[in-house]
N, C-alpha and C. Protein backbone atom coordinates (compact mmCIF):
# COMPACT_ATOMS: atom_id res chain seq x y z
N MET A 1 50.70 -11.38 15.77
CA MET A 1 49.74 -12.38 15.32
C MET A 1 48.39 -11.70 15.13
N THR A 2 47.67 -12.07 14.12
CA THR A 2 46.39 -11.47 13.82
C THR A 2 45.25 -12.27 14.46
N ASP A 3 44.08 -11.63 14.56
CA ASP A 3 42.93 -12.33 15.11
C ASP A 3 42.39 -13.39 14.16
N ALA A 4 42.37 -13.07 12.87
CA ALA A 4 41.92 -14.04 11.87
C ALA A 4 42.90 -13.98 10.71
N TYR A 5 43.30 -15.11 10.26
CA TYR A 5 44.30 -15.19 9.20
C TYR A 5 43.66 -14.95 7.85
N GLU A 6 44.08 -13.88 7.20
CA GLU A 6 43.67 -13.59 5.83
C GLU A 6 44.89 -13.89 4.97
N LEU A 7 44.87 -14.99 4.29
CA LEU A 7 46.03 -15.48 3.57
C LEU A 7 45.99 -15.05 2.11
N ALA A 8 46.99 -14.26 1.73
CA ALA A 8 47.07 -13.76 0.36
C ALA A 8 47.15 -14.91 -0.64
N ASP A 9 47.78 -16.02 -0.23
CA ASP A 9 47.93 -17.13 -1.16
C ASP A 9 46.67 -17.99 -1.26
N ALA A 10 45.56 -17.51 -0.68
CA ALA A 10 44.30 -18.24 -0.78
C ALA A 10 43.58 -17.93 -2.11
N ALA A 11 44.12 -16.99 -2.90
CA ALA A 11 43.53 -16.69 -4.20
C ALA A 11 43.94 -17.80 -5.17
N ARG A 12 42.96 -18.52 -5.68
CA ARG A 12 43.25 -19.68 -6.51
C ARG A 12 43.15 -19.35 -7.99
N THR A 13 44.11 -19.87 -8.74
CA THR A 13 44.11 -19.75 -10.20
C THR A 13 43.96 -21.15 -10.77
N GLU A 14 42.98 -21.32 -11.64
CA GLU A 14 42.75 -22.62 -12.26
C GLU A 14 43.99 -23.07 -13.03
N PRO A 15 44.31 -24.36 -13.00
CA PRO A 15 45.42 -24.87 -13.81
C PRO A 15 45.13 -24.67 -15.29
N PRO A 16 46.16 -24.61 -16.11
CA PRO A 16 45.93 -24.41 -17.55
C PRO A 16 45.19 -25.59 -18.17
N LEU A 17 44.33 -25.28 -19.13
CA LEU A 17 43.55 -26.32 -19.81
C LEU A 17 44.32 -26.97 -20.94
N ALA A 18 45.24 -26.24 -21.54
CA ALA A 18 46.03 -26.76 -22.65
C ALA A 18 47.44 -26.20 -22.53
N ALA A 19 48.33 -27.00 -21.97
CA ALA A 19 49.71 -26.56 -21.75
C ALA A 19 50.61 -27.78 -21.76
N GLY A 20 51.89 -27.53 -21.71
CA GLY A 20 52.84 -28.62 -21.62
C GLY A 20 52.76 -29.33 -20.28
N GLU A 21 53.48 -30.42 -20.18
CA GLU A 21 53.42 -31.25 -18.98
C GLU A 21 53.87 -30.49 -17.73
N LEU A 22 54.98 -29.76 -17.81
CA LEU A 22 55.47 -29.03 -16.64
C LEU A 22 54.48 -27.97 -16.19
N ALA A 23 53.97 -27.18 -17.11
CA ALA A 23 53.01 -26.13 -16.75
C ALA A 23 51.73 -26.74 -16.17
N THR A 24 51.30 -27.87 -16.71
CA THR A 24 50.11 -28.54 -16.19
C THR A 24 50.33 -29.04 -14.77
N LEU A 25 51.43 -29.74 -14.55
CA LEU A 25 51.71 -30.28 -13.22
C LEU A 25 51.90 -29.17 -12.19
N THR A 26 52.68 -28.15 -12.51
CA THR A 26 52.90 -27.07 -11.55
C THR A 26 51.62 -26.25 -11.36
N GLY A 27 50.81 -26.13 -12.41
CA GLY A 27 49.53 -25.44 -12.27
C GLY A 27 48.60 -26.15 -11.31
N PHE A 28 48.53 -27.47 -11.43
CA PHE A 28 47.69 -28.23 -10.51
C PHE A 28 48.25 -28.19 -9.08
N LEU A 29 49.56 -28.27 -8.93
CA LEU A 29 50.13 -28.21 -7.59
C LEU A 29 49.88 -26.85 -6.95
N ASP A 30 50.08 -25.77 -7.68
CA ASP A 30 49.82 -24.45 -7.12
C ASP A 30 48.34 -24.26 -6.79
N TYR A 31 47.46 -24.83 -7.60
CA TYR A 31 46.03 -24.76 -7.31
C TYR A 31 45.72 -25.49 -6.00
N GLN A 32 46.32 -26.64 -5.80
CA GLN A 32 46.10 -27.39 -4.56
C GLN A 32 46.68 -26.62 -3.36
N ARG A 33 47.85 -26.01 -3.52
CA ARG A 33 48.43 -25.20 -2.44
C ARG A 33 47.49 -24.05 -2.07
N ALA A 34 46.97 -23.37 -3.09
CA ALA A 34 46.06 -22.24 -2.84
C ALA A 34 44.75 -22.72 -2.22
N THR A 35 44.30 -23.90 -2.60
CA THR A 35 43.08 -24.46 -1.99
C THR A 35 43.30 -24.68 -0.50
N PHE A 36 44.48 -25.18 -0.14
CA PHE A 36 44.76 -25.38 1.28
C PHE A 36 44.76 -24.04 2.02
N ALA A 37 45.40 -23.03 1.47
CA ALA A 37 45.41 -21.71 2.11
C ALA A 37 43.98 -21.18 2.26
N TRP A 38 43.15 -21.40 1.25
CA TRP A 38 41.76 -20.97 1.27
C TRP A 38 41.01 -21.64 2.42
N LYS A 39 41.30 -22.92 2.68
CA LYS A 39 40.65 -23.63 3.77
C LYS A 39 41.02 -23.05 5.14
N CYS A 40 42.19 -22.42 5.23
CA CYS A 40 42.68 -21.86 6.50
C CYS A 40 42.35 -20.39 6.68
N ALA A 41 41.99 -19.71 5.61
CA ALA A 41 41.80 -18.26 5.64
C ALA A 41 40.62 -17.85 6.52
N GLY A 42 40.81 -16.75 7.24
CA GLY A 42 39.74 -16.16 8.03
C GLY A 42 39.52 -16.78 9.40
N LEU A 43 40.36 -17.73 9.79
CA LEU A 43 40.20 -18.40 11.08
C LEU A 43 41.11 -17.79 12.13
N THR A 44 40.73 -17.92 13.37
CA THR A 44 41.54 -17.45 14.49
C THR A 44 42.60 -18.49 14.83
N THR A 45 43.53 -18.11 15.66
CA THR A 45 44.55 -19.04 16.14
C THR A 45 43.90 -20.25 16.80
N GLU A 46 42.91 -20.01 17.62
CA GLU A 46 42.24 -21.11 18.32
C GLU A 46 41.56 -22.06 17.33
N GLN A 47 40.93 -21.50 16.30
CA GLN A 47 40.29 -22.35 15.30
C GLN A 47 41.32 -23.15 14.52
N LEU A 48 42.45 -22.53 14.18
CA LEU A 48 43.50 -23.24 13.45
C LEU A 48 44.08 -24.38 14.27
N ARG A 49 44.12 -24.22 15.58
CA ARG A 49 44.66 -25.26 16.46
C ARG A 49 43.62 -26.32 16.82
N ALA A 50 42.35 -26.02 16.64
CA ALA A 50 41.26 -26.91 17.08
C ALA A 50 41.33 -28.27 16.37
N ARG A 51 40.94 -29.31 17.13
CA ARG A 51 40.88 -30.68 16.62
C ARG A 51 39.44 -31.18 16.72
N PRO A 52 38.58 -30.73 15.81
CA PRO A 52 37.15 -31.04 15.95
C PRO A 52 36.75 -32.46 15.55
N LEU A 53 37.67 -33.24 15.02
CA LEU A 53 37.33 -34.59 14.55
C LEU A 53 37.89 -35.66 15.48
N LEU A 54 37.82 -35.42 16.78
CA LEU A 54 38.35 -36.38 17.75
C LEU A 54 37.75 -37.76 17.51
N PRO A 55 38.54 -38.80 17.63
CA PRO A 55 39.85 -38.85 18.25
C PRO A 55 41.02 -38.48 17.32
N SER A 56 40.71 -38.09 16.07
CA SER A 56 41.79 -37.72 15.16
C SER A 56 42.53 -36.49 15.69
N PRO A 57 43.86 -36.48 15.56
CA PRO A 57 44.64 -35.32 16.02
C PRO A 57 44.69 -34.19 14.98
N LEU A 58 43.96 -34.32 13.87
CA LEU A 58 44.05 -33.33 12.79
C LEU A 58 43.53 -31.97 13.19
N SER A 59 44.35 -30.97 12.87
CA SER A 59 43.95 -29.57 12.97
C SER A 59 44.49 -28.90 11.71
N LEU A 60 43.94 -27.76 11.36
CA LEU A 60 44.45 -27.05 10.18
C LEU A 60 45.87 -26.58 10.39
N LEU A 61 46.20 -26.20 11.62
CA LEU A 61 47.58 -25.78 11.89
C LEU A 61 48.53 -26.97 11.82
N GLY A 62 48.12 -28.12 12.32
CA GLY A 62 48.94 -29.32 12.20
C GLY A 62 49.14 -29.71 10.74
N LEU A 63 48.09 -29.58 9.94
CA LEU A 63 48.22 -29.87 8.51
C LEU A 63 49.16 -28.87 7.83
N THR A 64 49.11 -27.61 8.24
CA THR A 64 50.03 -26.61 7.68
C THR A 64 51.47 -27.00 7.98
N ARG A 65 51.72 -27.37 9.22
CA ARG A 65 53.08 -27.78 9.61
C ARG A 65 53.50 -29.05 8.85
N HIS A 66 52.56 -29.98 8.70
CA HIS A 66 52.86 -31.21 7.96
C HIS A 66 53.21 -30.90 6.51
N LEU A 67 52.43 -30.03 5.87
CA LEU A 67 52.69 -29.72 4.46
C LEU A 67 54.01 -28.97 4.29
N ALA A 68 54.41 -28.17 5.27
CA ALA A 68 55.75 -27.55 5.22
C ALA A 68 56.82 -28.63 5.25
N GLU A 69 56.63 -29.63 6.09
CA GLU A 69 57.58 -30.75 6.16
C GLU A 69 57.61 -31.55 4.87
N VAL A 70 56.45 -31.80 4.29
CA VAL A 70 56.37 -32.57 3.05
C VAL A 70 57.05 -31.82 1.91
N GLU A 71 56.80 -30.52 1.80
CA GLU A 71 57.46 -29.70 0.77
C GLU A 71 58.97 -29.79 0.95
N ARG A 72 59.42 -29.60 2.19
CA ARG A 72 60.86 -29.63 2.48
C ARG A 72 61.45 -31.01 2.15
N GLY A 73 60.77 -32.04 2.59
CA GLY A 73 61.28 -33.39 2.38
C GLY A 73 61.43 -33.75 0.91
N TRP A 74 60.38 -33.53 0.12
CA TRP A 74 60.43 -33.95 -1.28
C TRP A 74 61.28 -33.05 -2.16
N PHE A 75 61.20 -31.75 -1.95
CA PHE A 75 61.92 -30.86 -2.85
C PHE A 75 63.35 -30.58 -2.38
N ARG A 76 63.53 -30.18 -1.15
CA ARG A 76 64.89 -29.90 -0.67
C ARG A 76 65.70 -31.19 -0.50
N ASN A 77 65.12 -32.15 0.17
CA ASN A 77 65.89 -33.33 0.56
C ASN A 77 65.97 -34.41 -0.50
N VAL A 78 64.88 -34.71 -1.16
CA VAL A 78 64.92 -35.75 -2.19
C VAL A 78 65.42 -35.17 -3.51
N LEU A 79 64.73 -34.17 -4.04
CA LEU A 79 65.09 -33.63 -5.35
C LEU A 79 66.46 -32.96 -5.33
N ASN A 80 66.75 -32.18 -4.29
CA ASN A 80 67.97 -31.37 -4.29
C ASN A 80 69.05 -31.87 -3.33
N SER A 81 68.82 -32.98 -2.66
CA SER A 81 69.81 -33.61 -1.75
C SER A 81 70.38 -32.65 -0.71
N GLU A 82 69.53 -31.80 -0.13
CA GLU A 82 70.00 -30.83 0.85
C GLU A 82 70.17 -31.41 2.25
N GLY A 83 69.44 -32.47 2.57
CA GLY A 83 69.62 -33.15 3.85
C GLY A 83 69.18 -32.37 5.08
N HIS A 84 68.17 -31.53 4.96
CA HIS A 84 67.69 -30.76 6.11
C HIS A 84 66.86 -31.63 7.05
N PRO A 85 67.06 -31.48 8.36
CA PRO A 85 66.19 -32.18 9.31
C PRO A 85 64.81 -31.53 9.33
N GLY A 86 63.87 -32.19 9.91
CA GLY A 86 62.53 -31.63 10.01
C GLY A 86 62.50 -30.40 10.90
N PHE A 87 61.47 -29.60 10.74
CA PHE A 87 61.31 -28.39 11.54
C PHE A 87 60.96 -28.69 12.98
N TRP A 88 60.08 -29.67 13.18
CA TRP A 88 59.49 -29.87 14.49
C TRP A 88 59.85 -31.21 15.11
N GLY A 89 60.89 -31.87 14.63
CA GLY A 89 61.33 -33.14 15.20
C GLY A 89 60.43 -34.28 14.81
N GLY A 90 60.69 -35.47 15.33
CA GLY A 90 59.91 -36.68 15.15
C GLY A 90 59.13 -36.86 13.87
N ARG A 91 58.73 -38.06 13.60
CA ARG A 91 58.07 -38.42 12.35
C ARG A 91 56.72 -37.73 12.17
N THR A 92 55.94 -37.56 13.22
CA THR A 92 54.63 -36.91 13.10
C THR A 92 54.48 -35.74 14.08
N ALA A 93 55.58 -35.23 14.57
CA ALA A 93 55.53 -34.15 15.57
C ALA A 93 54.83 -32.90 15.04
N GLU A 94 54.87 -32.69 13.72
CA GLU A 94 54.24 -31.49 13.16
C GLU A 94 52.74 -31.45 13.41
N PHE A 95 52.11 -32.60 13.60
CA PHE A 95 50.67 -32.62 13.84
C PHE A 95 50.31 -32.17 15.26
N GLU A 96 51.28 -32.17 16.16
CA GLU A 96 51.05 -31.75 17.55
C GLU A 96 51.09 -30.23 17.60
N ALA A 97 49.96 -29.60 17.31
CA ALA A 97 49.93 -28.16 17.10
C ALA A 97 49.22 -27.38 18.21
N ASP A 98 48.98 -28.01 19.36
CA ASP A 98 48.21 -27.33 20.41
C ASP A 98 48.80 -25.97 20.80
N GLY A 99 50.11 -25.87 20.93
CA GLY A 99 50.74 -24.61 21.29
C GLY A 99 51.50 -23.98 20.15
N ALA A 100 51.29 -24.47 18.94
CA ALA A 100 52.06 -24.01 17.78
C ALA A 100 51.68 -22.58 17.38
N ASP A 101 52.63 -21.91 16.77
CA ASP A 101 52.46 -20.53 16.33
C ASP A 101 52.05 -20.51 14.85
N PRO A 102 50.85 -20.03 14.55
CA PRO A 102 50.41 -19.99 13.14
C PRO A 102 51.32 -19.13 12.26
N ASP A 103 51.81 -18.00 12.78
CA ASP A 103 52.69 -17.16 11.97
C ASP A 103 53.93 -17.94 11.53
N GLU A 104 54.53 -18.67 12.46
CA GLU A 104 55.71 -19.47 12.15
C GLU A 104 55.36 -20.57 11.15
N ALA A 105 54.26 -21.27 11.37
CA ALA A 105 53.88 -22.38 10.49
C ALA A 105 53.61 -21.90 9.07
N PHE A 106 52.83 -20.83 8.93
CA PHE A 106 52.52 -20.35 7.59
C PHE A 106 53.75 -19.76 6.91
N ALA A 107 54.63 -19.11 7.67
CA ALA A 107 55.87 -18.57 7.09
C ALA A 107 56.75 -19.70 6.57
N ARG A 108 56.89 -20.75 7.35
CA ARG A 108 57.71 -21.89 6.91
C ARG A 108 57.08 -22.59 5.71
N TRP A 109 55.78 -22.78 5.74
CA TRP A 109 55.09 -23.42 4.62
C TRP A 109 55.28 -22.61 3.35
N ARG A 110 55.06 -21.29 3.43
CA ARG A 110 55.24 -20.44 2.25
C ARG A 110 56.68 -20.49 1.74
N ALA A 111 57.64 -20.42 2.66
CA ALA A 111 59.05 -20.45 2.26
C ALA A 111 59.39 -21.75 1.56
N GLU A 112 58.87 -22.86 2.05
CA GLU A 112 59.14 -24.15 1.41
C GLU A 112 58.47 -24.23 0.04
N CYS A 113 57.26 -23.72 -0.09
CA CYS A 113 56.60 -23.70 -1.40
C CYS A 113 57.39 -22.85 -2.38
N ASP A 114 57.85 -21.68 -1.94
CA ASP A 114 58.65 -20.80 -2.81
C ASP A 114 59.95 -21.47 -3.23
N HIS A 115 60.62 -22.12 -2.28
CA HIS A 115 61.88 -22.79 -2.60
C HIS A 115 61.63 -23.95 -3.57
N ALA A 116 60.55 -24.67 -3.37
CA ALA A 116 60.20 -25.77 -4.27
C ALA A 116 59.99 -25.24 -5.68
N ARG A 117 59.29 -24.12 -5.81
CA ARG A 117 59.07 -23.53 -7.14
C ARG A 117 60.40 -23.18 -7.80
N GLU A 118 61.33 -22.65 -7.02
CA GLU A 118 62.65 -22.31 -7.56
C GLU A 118 63.39 -23.55 -8.05
N LEU A 119 63.34 -24.62 -7.27
CA LEU A 119 64.02 -25.85 -7.67
C LEU A 119 63.40 -26.45 -8.93
N VAL A 120 62.09 -26.41 -9.02
CA VAL A 120 61.41 -26.94 -10.20
C VAL A 120 61.77 -26.10 -11.42
N ALA A 121 61.76 -24.79 -11.26
CA ALA A 121 62.09 -23.90 -12.39
C ALA A 121 63.52 -24.11 -12.87
N ALA A 122 64.42 -24.47 -11.96
CA ALA A 122 65.83 -24.65 -12.31
C ALA A 122 66.12 -26.03 -12.91
N ALA A 123 65.19 -26.96 -12.78
CA ALA A 123 65.42 -28.32 -13.28
C ALA A 123 65.45 -28.33 -14.80
N SER A 124 66.33 -29.13 -15.35
CA SER A 124 66.48 -29.19 -16.80
C SER A 124 65.32 -29.93 -17.48
N SER A 125 64.67 -30.82 -16.76
CA SER A 125 63.52 -31.55 -17.32
C SER A 125 62.77 -32.25 -16.20
N LEU A 126 61.63 -32.80 -16.54
CA LEU A 126 60.85 -33.59 -15.58
C LEU A 126 61.50 -34.94 -15.31
N ASP A 127 62.50 -35.28 -16.08
CA ASP A 127 63.21 -36.55 -15.90
C ASP A 127 64.36 -36.45 -14.90
N VAL A 128 64.63 -35.26 -14.38
CA VAL A 128 65.68 -35.09 -13.38
C VAL A 128 65.36 -36.01 -12.20
N LEU A 129 66.38 -36.66 -11.66
CA LEU A 129 66.16 -37.61 -10.56
C LEU A 129 66.61 -37.03 -9.23
N GLY A 130 65.79 -37.27 -8.23
CA GLY A 130 66.16 -37.01 -6.85
C GLY A 130 66.30 -38.35 -6.17
N HIS A 131 66.99 -38.38 -5.03
CA HIS A 131 67.27 -39.65 -4.37
C HIS A 131 66.89 -39.60 -2.89
N TYR A 132 66.31 -40.69 -2.45
CA TYR A 132 65.97 -40.87 -1.04
C TYR A 132 66.73 -42.08 -0.52
N ARG A 133 67.40 -41.90 0.61
CA ARG A 133 68.09 -43.02 1.25
C ARG A 133 67.32 -43.37 2.53
N ALA A 134 66.80 -44.59 2.56
CA ALA A 134 66.05 -45.09 3.72
C ALA A 134 67.02 -45.34 4.88
N PRO A 135 66.48 -45.39 6.09
CA PRO A 135 67.34 -45.67 7.25
C PRO A 135 68.15 -46.95 7.12
N ASP A 136 67.65 -47.93 6.36
CA ASP A 136 68.39 -49.18 6.18
C ASP A 136 69.46 -49.06 5.09
N GLY A 137 69.60 -47.87 4.50
CA GLY A 137 70.62 -47.63 3.49
C GLY A 137 70.16 -47.81 2.05
N GLU A 138 68.97 -48.37 1.86
CA GLU A 138 68.48 -48.57 0.50
C GLU A 138 68.13 -47.22 -0.12
N GLU A 139 68.57 -47.02 -1.36
CA GLU A 139 68.32 -45.76 -2.04
C GLU A 139 67.30 -45.95 -3.15
N THR A 140 66.39 -44.98 -3.27
CA THR A 140 65.38 -44.99 -4.31
C THR A 140 65.46 -43.67 -5.07
N ALA A 141 65.38 -43.76 -6.40
CA ALA A 141 65.39 -42.57 -7.24
C ALA A 141 63.96 -42.21 -7.64
N TYR A 142 63.66 -40.92 -7.63
CA TYR A 142 62.35 -40.40 -8.01
C TYR A 142 62.55 -39.31 -9.06
N SER A 143 61.78 -39.36 -10.13
CA SER A 143 61.85 -38.29 -11.12
C SER A 143 61.08 -37.08 -10.60
N LEU A 144 61.44 -35.90 -11.11
CA LEU A 144 60.70 -34.69 -10.77
C LEU A 144 59.23 -34.86 -11.16
N ARG A 145 58.97 -35.52 -12.26
CA ARG A 145 57.59 -35.79 -12.69
C ARG A 145 56.84 -36.55 -11.59
N TRP A 146 57.46 -37.59 -11.03
CA TRP A 146 56.83 -38.38 -9.98
C TRP A 146 56.62 -37.53 -8.74
N ILE A 147 57.62 -36.73 -8.37
CA ILE A 147 57.51 -35.88 -7.17
C ILE A 147 56.35 -34.90 -7.32
N LEU A 148 56.25 -34.23 -8.45
CA LEU A 148 55.14 -33.29 -8.66
C LEU A 148 53.79 -34.00 -8.61
N THR A 149 53.69 -35.14 -9.23
CA THR A 149 52.43 -35.90 -9.21
C THR A 149 52.10 -36.33 -7.79
N HIS A 150 53.11 -36.79 -7.06
CA HIS A 150 52.88 -37.18 -5.66
C HIS A 150 52.44 -35.99 -4.82
N MET A 151 53.04 -34.84 -5.03
CA MET A 151 52.67 -33.66 -4.24
C MET A 151 51.23 -33.23 -4.53
N ILE A 152 50.80 -33.34 -5.77
CA ILE A 152 49.39 -33.05 -6.09
C ILE A 152 48.49 -34.00 -5.31
N GLU A 153 48.85 -35.27 -5.29
CA GLU A 153 48.08 -36.27 -4.55
C GLU A 153 48.09 -35.97 -3.05
N GLU A 154 49.25 -35.59 -2.53
CA GLU A 154 49.39 -35.28 -1.10
C GLU A 154 48.47 -34.12 -0.71
N TYR A 155 48.51 -33.05 -1.48
CA TYR A 155 47.65 -31.91 -1.19
C TYR A 155 46.18 -32.25 -1.36
N ALA A 156 45.84 -32.98 -2.41
CA ALA A 156 44.44 -33.33 -2.63
C ALA A 156 43.88 -34.12 -1.44
N ARG A 157 44.66 -35.07 -0.94
CA ARG A 157 44.23 -35.85 0.22
C ARG A 157 44.04 -34.95 1.44
N HIS A 158 45.03 -34.11 1.71
CA HIS A 158 44.95 -33.26 2.90
C HIS A 158 43.95 -32.12 2.74
N ASN A 159 43.67 -31.71 1.51
CA ASN A 159 42.60 -30.73 1.31
C ASN A 159 41.25 -31.33 1.66
N GLY A 160 41.09 -32.62 1.43
CA GLY A 160 39.87 -33.30 1.88
C GLY A 160 39.76 -33.28 3.38
N HIS A 161 40.88 -33.56 4.06
CA HIS A 161 40.88 -33.48 5.53
C HIS A 161 40.55 -32.05 5.97
N ALA A 162 41.20 -31.07 5.32
CA ALA A 162 41.00 -29.67 5.69
C ALA A 162 39.54 -29.26 5.49
N ASP A 163 38.92 -29.76 4.45
CA ASP A 163 37.53 -29.44 4.19
C ASP A 163 36.63 -29.95 5.33
N LEU A 164 36.89 -31.17 5.79
CA LEU A 164 36.10 -31.71 6.91
C LEU A 164 36.33 -30.92 8.19
N VAL A 165 37.60 -30.60 8.48
CA VAL A 165 37.90 -29.82 9.69
C VAL A 165 37.21 -28.47 9.61
N ARG A 166 37.34 -27.78 8.48
CA ARG A 166 36.74 -26.45 8.33
C ARG A 166 35.22 -26.52 8.47
N GLU A 167 34.60 -27.52 7.89
CA GLU A 167 33.14 -27.64 8.00
C GLU A 167 32.72 -27.79 9.46
N HIS A 168 33.48 -28.54 10.24
CA HIS A 168 33.16 -28.71 11.66
C HIS A 168 33.42 -27.43 12.45
N LEU A 169 34.35 -26.63 12.01
CA LEU A 169 34.69 -25.40 12.74
C LEU A 169 33.64 -24.32 12.56
N ASP A 170 33.22 -24.07 11.31
CA ASP A 170 32.32 -22.95 11.08
C ASP A 170 31.27 -23.19 9.99
N GLY A 171 31.17 -24.44 9.54
CA GLY A 171 30.16 -24.77 8.54
C GLY A 171 30.57 -24.49 7.11
N ARG A 172 31.71 -23.87 6.90
CA ARG A 172 32.15 -23.55 5.53
C ARG A 172 32.61 -24.83 4.84
N THR A 173 32.11 -25.05 3.63
CA THR A 173 32.49 -26.24 2.89
C THR A 173 33.16 -25.86 1.58
N GLY A 174 33.68 -26.86 0.90
CA GLY A 174 34.36 -26.65 -0.38
C GLY A 174 33.38 -26.30 -1.47
N GLU A 175 33.86 -26.40 -2.68
CA GLU A 175 33.06 -26.01 -3.84
C GLU A 175 31.88 -26.93 -4.02
């Protein structure tokens, strides 16, 4: 484990200004992923675990674990019907990061992002459907287009949280 996390994936590339729908959506999603890595870069394990917005349980490490779960859930389980259980148990267990290992969390998050990119690249179109079955048995279909749009929204929301946490940790703010 390092003293301060220098994340290679914190280098952000602007989404394309004029491209097809798939390139635009994946460009925005990758930009949001890189923004999250940027918010975590250069911090120590203690800073990544810190919850400076009490009573909120949010920490950057908890958000990292959550985003690994979200990537896995939407791409592996909904889009590709892989049926993998969560990494850390329970519905919100990923946010409980007091003793969590940043190396493990970032490795899992990166692996899920990479796998998601592979699944998207292999899809025949944005109209491909993934399926979610609720505990009550009701099934809902989601297009890849919807999943990508939702993931952009998910990251944008949590990048706002990450920005507030980071500002409280060391004063660094977003753009």
